[in-house]
Amino acid sequence: MSSSSAAPRRGDKAEAAAAKPPMRDALVGAAFRLFLERGYEQTTVDDIVALAGVGRRSFFRYFPSKEDVVFPDHERCLADMTAFLGSGDDTEEPVGRVCDAARLVLRMYAENPTFSVQRYRLTKKVPGLRAYELSVVWRYERALAEYLRARFAGRPDGTLRADVIAAAVVAAHNNALRSWLRADGQSDASATVDHALGYVRSAFGATETPLVAEQPEDVVVVVSRRGAPLWRVVQEIETVLGHD
């Protein structure tokens, strides 16, 4: 028998490599399979790497902790949001800009509705994951607030305004996002979030109050003789002011 007939062809190897998911995705997939089968608390990192067929070092190369494998895409999304805000200029309406930035988070969830719904259900059951998720949300809010603080710098209550608007954007976005997740990702996510963010824009959209030049005071001086009756003085003032 020829040895070459038993050896895999180079094309077969390439196809097999292309069909195999990247290691990071394989770890996420293995983790969620175990979370659904056993529960989050009952699954260890060793269980995850064993199912994925990799070592512990490979896991921690991608994820600092077991919690991080539940939220594998937030670091990328936060970086995209920061870059988006930084690419704007001072001519853009700031509230509209942060609302557009929040839509990047929605897009991340909508890329894989099944995974997003599974994560939502898992997070509701595990208090530790809920706390972790809140810390992630806080980082998004801080990114929005920092952008707005720079835009409102030097204005009355600029920092307060920035923080309030950032919190409102996050609250509106998350309210709509949870509504979509509770519907198992079946509704129109974009329309739901646009509707929620519309409240923020209607409340805070006109934040750039134009500076109006102060008008000089109109001073009128009337000279009247001493002893003139009061009605004569009033008449002279009305004549100067053009009142009939």
Protein backbone atom coordinates (compact mmCIF):
# COMPACT_ATOMS: atom_id res chain seq x y z
CA MET A 1 0.00 0.00 0.00
CA SER A 2 1.32 3.43 -0.84
CA SER A 3 1.90 5.63 2.22
CA SER A 4 0.76 8.67 0.31
CA SER A 5 -2.75 7.28 0.00
CA ALA A 6 -3.23 7.33 3.78
CA ALA A 7 -1.78 10.78 4.38
CA PRO A 8 -4.24 13.68 4.49
CA ARG A 9 -3.92 16.09 1.63
CA ARG A 10 -2.85 19.68 2.22
CA GLY A 11 -6.25 20.89 1.06
CA ASP A 12 -7.97 18.65 3.61
CA LYS A 13 -5.89 20.16 6.41
CA ALA A 14 -6.77 23.66 5.30
CA GLU A 15 -10.46 22.83 5.18
CA ALA A 16 -10.33 21.26 8.63
CA ALA A 17 -8.56 24.31 10.05
CA ALA A 18 -11.13 26.64 8.49
CA ALA A 19 -14.00 24.59 9.89
CA LYS A 20 -12.59 24.64 13.42
CA PRO A 21 -13.74 27.71 15.42
CA PRO A 22 -11.02 30.04 16.75
CA MET A 23 -9.83 29.11 20.23
CA ARG A 24 -11.51 32.08 21.86
CA ASP A 25 -14.87 31.18 20.33
CA ALA A 26 -14.34 27.53 21.21
CA LEU A 27 -13.82 28.45 24.86
CA VAL A 28 -16.97 30.58 24.93
CA GLY A 29 -18.98 27.84 23.27
CA ALA A 30 -17.70 25.18 25.67
CA ALA A 31 -18.34 27.41 28.68
CA PHE A 32 -21.95 28.13 27.79
CA ARG A 33 -22.66 24.52 26.94
CA LEU A 34 -21.52 23.55 30.43
CA PHE A 35 -23.30 26.47 32.09
CA LEU A 36 -26.57 25.35 30.51
CA GLU A 37 -26.04 21.69 31.34
CA ARG A 38 -24.55 21.91 34.85
CA GLY A 39 -25.08 25.46 36.01
CA TYR A 40 -22.64 28.31 36.31
CA GLU A 41 -21.46 27.65 39.86
CA GLN A 42 -20.95 23.93 39.20
CA THR A 43 -18.72 24.55 36.17
CA THR A 44 -14.99 25.11 36.67
CA VAL A 45 -12.33 26.49 34.36
CA ASP A 46 -10.85 22.98 34.21
CA ASP A 47 -14.20 21.70 32.94
CA ILE A 48 -14.28 24.36 30.24
CA VAL A 49 -10.77 23.76 28.93
CA ALA A 50 -11.30 20.01 28.97
CA LEU A 51 -14.39 20.29 26.77
CA ALA A 52 -12.67 22.81 24.48
CA GLY A 53 -9.60 20.58 24.22
CA VAL A 54 -7.08 23.23 25.33
CA GLY A 55 -4.98 23.93 28.42
CA ARG A 56 -5.60 26.29 31.33
CA ARG A 57 -2.95 28.69 30.05
CA SER A 58 -4.90 29.07 26.82
CA PHE A 59 -8.04 29.98 28.77
CA PHE A 60 -6.34 32.67 30.83
CA ARG A 61 -4.64 34.05 27.74
CA TYR A 62 -8.09 35.16 26.58
CA PHE A 63 -10.09 35.54 29.80
CA PRO A 64 -8.81 36.74 33.19
CA SER A 65 -11.59 34.89 35.01
CA LYS A 66 -14.60 32.65 34.56
CA GLU A 67 -16.83 35.72 34.71
CA ASP A 68 -15.08 37.23 31.70
CA VAL A 69 -15.99 34.30 29.45
CA VAL A 70 -19.65 35.22 29.99
CA PHE A 71 -19.00 38.72 28.56
CA PRO A 72 -16.43 38.03 25.84
CA ASP A 73 -17.34 40.94 23.57
CA HIS A 74 -17.68 43.91 25.90
CA GLU A 75 -14.01 44.93 25.84
CA ARG A 76 -14.13 45.16 22.05
CA CYS A 77 -17.41 47.07 22.15
CA LEU A 78 -16.11 49.52 24.75
CA ALA A 79 -13.03 50.16 22.60
CA ASP A 80 -15.25 50.70 19.54
CA MET A 81 -17.44 53.13 21.49
CA THR A 82 -14.46 55.12 22.74
CA ALA A 83 -13.02 55.31 19.23
CA PHE A 84 -16.40 56.39 17.82
CA LEU A 85 -16.76 59.20 20.33
CA GLY A 86 -13.19 60.32 19.76
CA SER A 87 -13.67 60.48 15.99
CA GLY A 88 -16.39 63.12 16.22
CA ASP A 89 -15.89 66.89 16.00
CA ASP A 90 -17.31 69.90 17.78
CA THR A 91 -19.91 70.56 15.08
CA GLU A 92 -21.89 67.43 15.99
CA GLU A 93 -24.77 67.64 18.45
CA PRO A 94 -23.35 65.92 21.57
CA VAL A 95 -26.50 64.19 22.82
CA GLY A 96 -27.14 62.69 19.41
CA ARG A 97 -23.54 61.50 19.32
CA VAL A 98 -23.74 59.60 22.60
CA CYS A 99 -27.07 58.08 21.55
CA ASP A 100 -25.39 56.80 18.39
CA ALA A 101 -22.55 55.44 20.53
CA ALA A 102 -25.05 53.51 22.66
CA ARG A 103 -26.39 51.87 19.52
CA LEU A 104 -23.01 50.17 19.10
CA VAL A 105 -23.81 48.15 22.22
CA LEU A 106 -27.16 47.15 20.76
CA ARG A 107 -25.45 46.06 17.55
CA MET A 108 -23.14 43.81 19.57
CA TYR A 109 -26.10 42.08 21.23
CA ALA A 110 -28.04 41.80 17.97
CA GLU A 111 -25.14 40.10 16.18
CA ASN A 112 -25.94 36.87 18.03
CA PRO A 113 -29.45 36.97 19.53
CA THR A 114 -29.35 33.36 20.73
CA PHE A 115 -26.16 33.89 22.70
CA SER A 116 -27.38 37.24 24.05
CA VAL A 117 -30.64 35.70 25.32
CA GLN A 118 -28.75 32.80 26.94
CA ARG A 119 -26.43 35.24 28.69
CA TYR A 120 -29.36 37.35 29.88
CA ARG A 121 -31.05 34.33 31.43
CA LEU A 122 -27.81 33.13 33.02
CA THR A 123 -27.00 36.56 34.45
CA LYS A 124 -30.44 36.81 36.06
CA LYS A 125 -29.78 33.57 37.96
CA VAL A 126 -26.25 34.31 39.20
CA PRO A 127 -25.82 37.33 41.54
CA GLY A 128 -22.08 37.45 40.91
CA LEU A 129 -22.62 37.81 37.17
CA ARG A 130 -25.21 40.50 37.74
CA ALA A 131 -22.68 42.47 39.77
CA TYR A 132 -20.08 41.95 37.06
CA GLU A 133 -22.53 43.15 34.41
CA LEU A 134 -23.23 46.32 36.41
CA SER A 135 -19.52 47.08 36.49
CA VAL A 136 -19.41 46.72 32.70
CA VAL A 137 -22.41 49.05 32.31
CA TRP A 138 -20.69 51.60 34.55
CA ARG A 139 -17.68 51.62 32.21
CA TYR A 140 -19.92 52.38 29.24
CA GLU A 141 -21.54 55.20 31.19
CA ARG A 142 -18.15 56.65 32.13
CA ALA A 143 -17.06 56.65 28.48
CA LEU A 144 -20.17 58.61 27.51
CA ALA A 145 -19.80 61.01 30.44
CA GLU A 146 -16.15 61.75 29.66
CA TYR A 147 -17.03 62.67 26.09
CA LEU A 148 -19.86 64.93 27.25
CA ARG A 149 -17.74 66.55 29.94
CA ALA A 150 -15.26 67.60 27.29
CA ARG A 151 -18.07 68.99 25.10
CA PHE A 152 -19.68 70.90 27.98
CA ALA A 153 -16.42 72.15 29.50
CA GLY A 154 -16.66 75.74 30.67
CA ARG A 155 -20.45 75.82 30.62
CA PRO A 156 -22.60 76.23 33.75
CA ASP A 157 -23.06 72.84 35.42
CA GLY A 158 -21.20 71.22 32.54
CA THR A 159 -20.00 68.24 34.55
CA LEU A 160 -23.40 67.69 36.16
CA ARG A 161 -25.13 67.92 32.81
CA ALA A 162 -22.71 65.43 31.26
CA ASP A 163 -23.16 62.88 34.03
CA VAL A 164 -26.95 63.15 34.03
CA ILE A 165 -27.22 62.75 30.26
CA ALA A 166 -24.81 59.80 30.22
CA ALA A 167 -26.85 58.06 32.93
CA ALA A 168 -30.08 58.77 31.03
CA VAL A 169 -28.70 57.32 27.79
CA VAL A 170 -27.58 54.13 29.55
CA ALA A 171 -30.90 53.79 31.39
CA ALA A 172 -32.95 54.25 28.22
CA HIS A 173 -30.77 51.87 26.21
CA ASN A 174 -30.80 49.17 28.88
CA ASN A 175 -34.55 49.42 29.37
CA ALA A 176 -35.11 48.79 25.66
CA LEU A 177 -32.42 46.11 25.50
CA ARG A 178 -33.94 44.13 28.37
CA SER A 179 -37.35 44.37 26.73
CA TRP A 180 -35.86 42.84 23.58
CA LEU A 181 -34.08 40.10 25.56
CA ARG A 182 -37.24 39.23 27.50
CA ALA A 183 -38.93 38.74 24.13
CA ASP A 184 -36.20 36.17 23.32
CA GLY A 185 -34.65 38.52 20.78
CA GLN A 186 -37.66 38.24 18.48
CA SER A 187 -38.79 41.87 18.37
CA ASP A 188 -37.24 44.75 16.42
CA ALA A 189 -34.31 45.70 18.65
CA SER A 190 -33.36 48.82 16.69
CA ALA A 191 -36.86 50.27 16.75
CA THR A 192 -37.19 49.59 20.48
CA VAL A 193 -33.89 51.27 21.33
CA ASP A 194 -34.54 54.20 18.98
CA HIS A 195 -37.85 54.80 20.73
CA ALA A 196 -36.19 54.80 24.16
CA LEU A 197 -33.33 57.06 23.11
CA GLY A 198 -35.85 59.43 21.58
CA TYR A 199 -36.92 60.36 25.11
CA VAL A 200 -33.36 61.32 25.96
CA ARG A 201 -32.92 63.43 22.85
CA SER A 202 -36.25 65.21 23.41
CA ALA A 203 -35.27 66.01 27.01
CA PHE A 204 -31.63 66.95 26.55
CA GLY A 205 -31.07 67.43 22.82
CA ALA A 206 -30.92 71.23 22.87
CA THR A 207 -28.07 71.35 25.37
CA GLU A 208 -25.86 73.75 23.43
CA THR A 209 -27.52 76.98 24.54
CA PRO A 210 -26.35 79.79 22.25
CA LEU A 211 -24.67 82.69 23.91
CA VAL A 212 -26.78 85.83 23.36
CA ALA A 213 -24.98 89.16 23.34
CA GLU A 214 -26.13 91.33 26.21
CA GLN A 215 -28.08 94.35 24.99
CA PRO A 216 -27.04 97.73 26.40
CA GLU A 217 -29.52 99.36 28.71
CA ASP A 218 -31.66 102.13 27.18
CA VAL A 219 -31.28 105.11 29.52
CA VAL A 220 -33.49 108.15 29.13
CA VAL A 221 -32.69 111.49 30.82
CA VAL A 222 -35.43 114.10 31.05
CA VAL A 223 -34.76 117.68 32.16
CA SER A 224 -37.66 119.56 33.66
CA ARG A 225 -37.95 122.88 35.52
CA ARG A 226 -38.30 122.81 39.28
CA GLY A 227 -41.89 123.03 40.42
CA ALA A 228 -43.35 121.58 37.20
CA PRO A 229 -46.47 119.48 37.90
CA LEU A 230 -45.99 115.73 37.91
CA TRP A 231 -48.33 115.21 34.98
CA ARG A 232 -46.09 117.49 32.88
CA VAL A 233 -43.00 115.43 33.78
CA VAL A 234 -44.79 112.19 32.87
CA GLN A 235 -45.95 113.72 29.60
CA GLU A 236 -42.40 114.71 28.69
CA ILE A 237 -41.14 111.15 29.45
CA GLU A 238 -43.88 109.59 27.27
CA THR A 239 -42.99 111.98 24.45
CA VAL A 240 -39.31 110.96 24.58
CA LEU A 241 -40.18 107.23 24.66
CA GLY A 242 -42.61 107.61 21.78
CA HIS A 243 -45.67 106.53 23.75
CA ASP A 244 -49.02 107.91 22.70
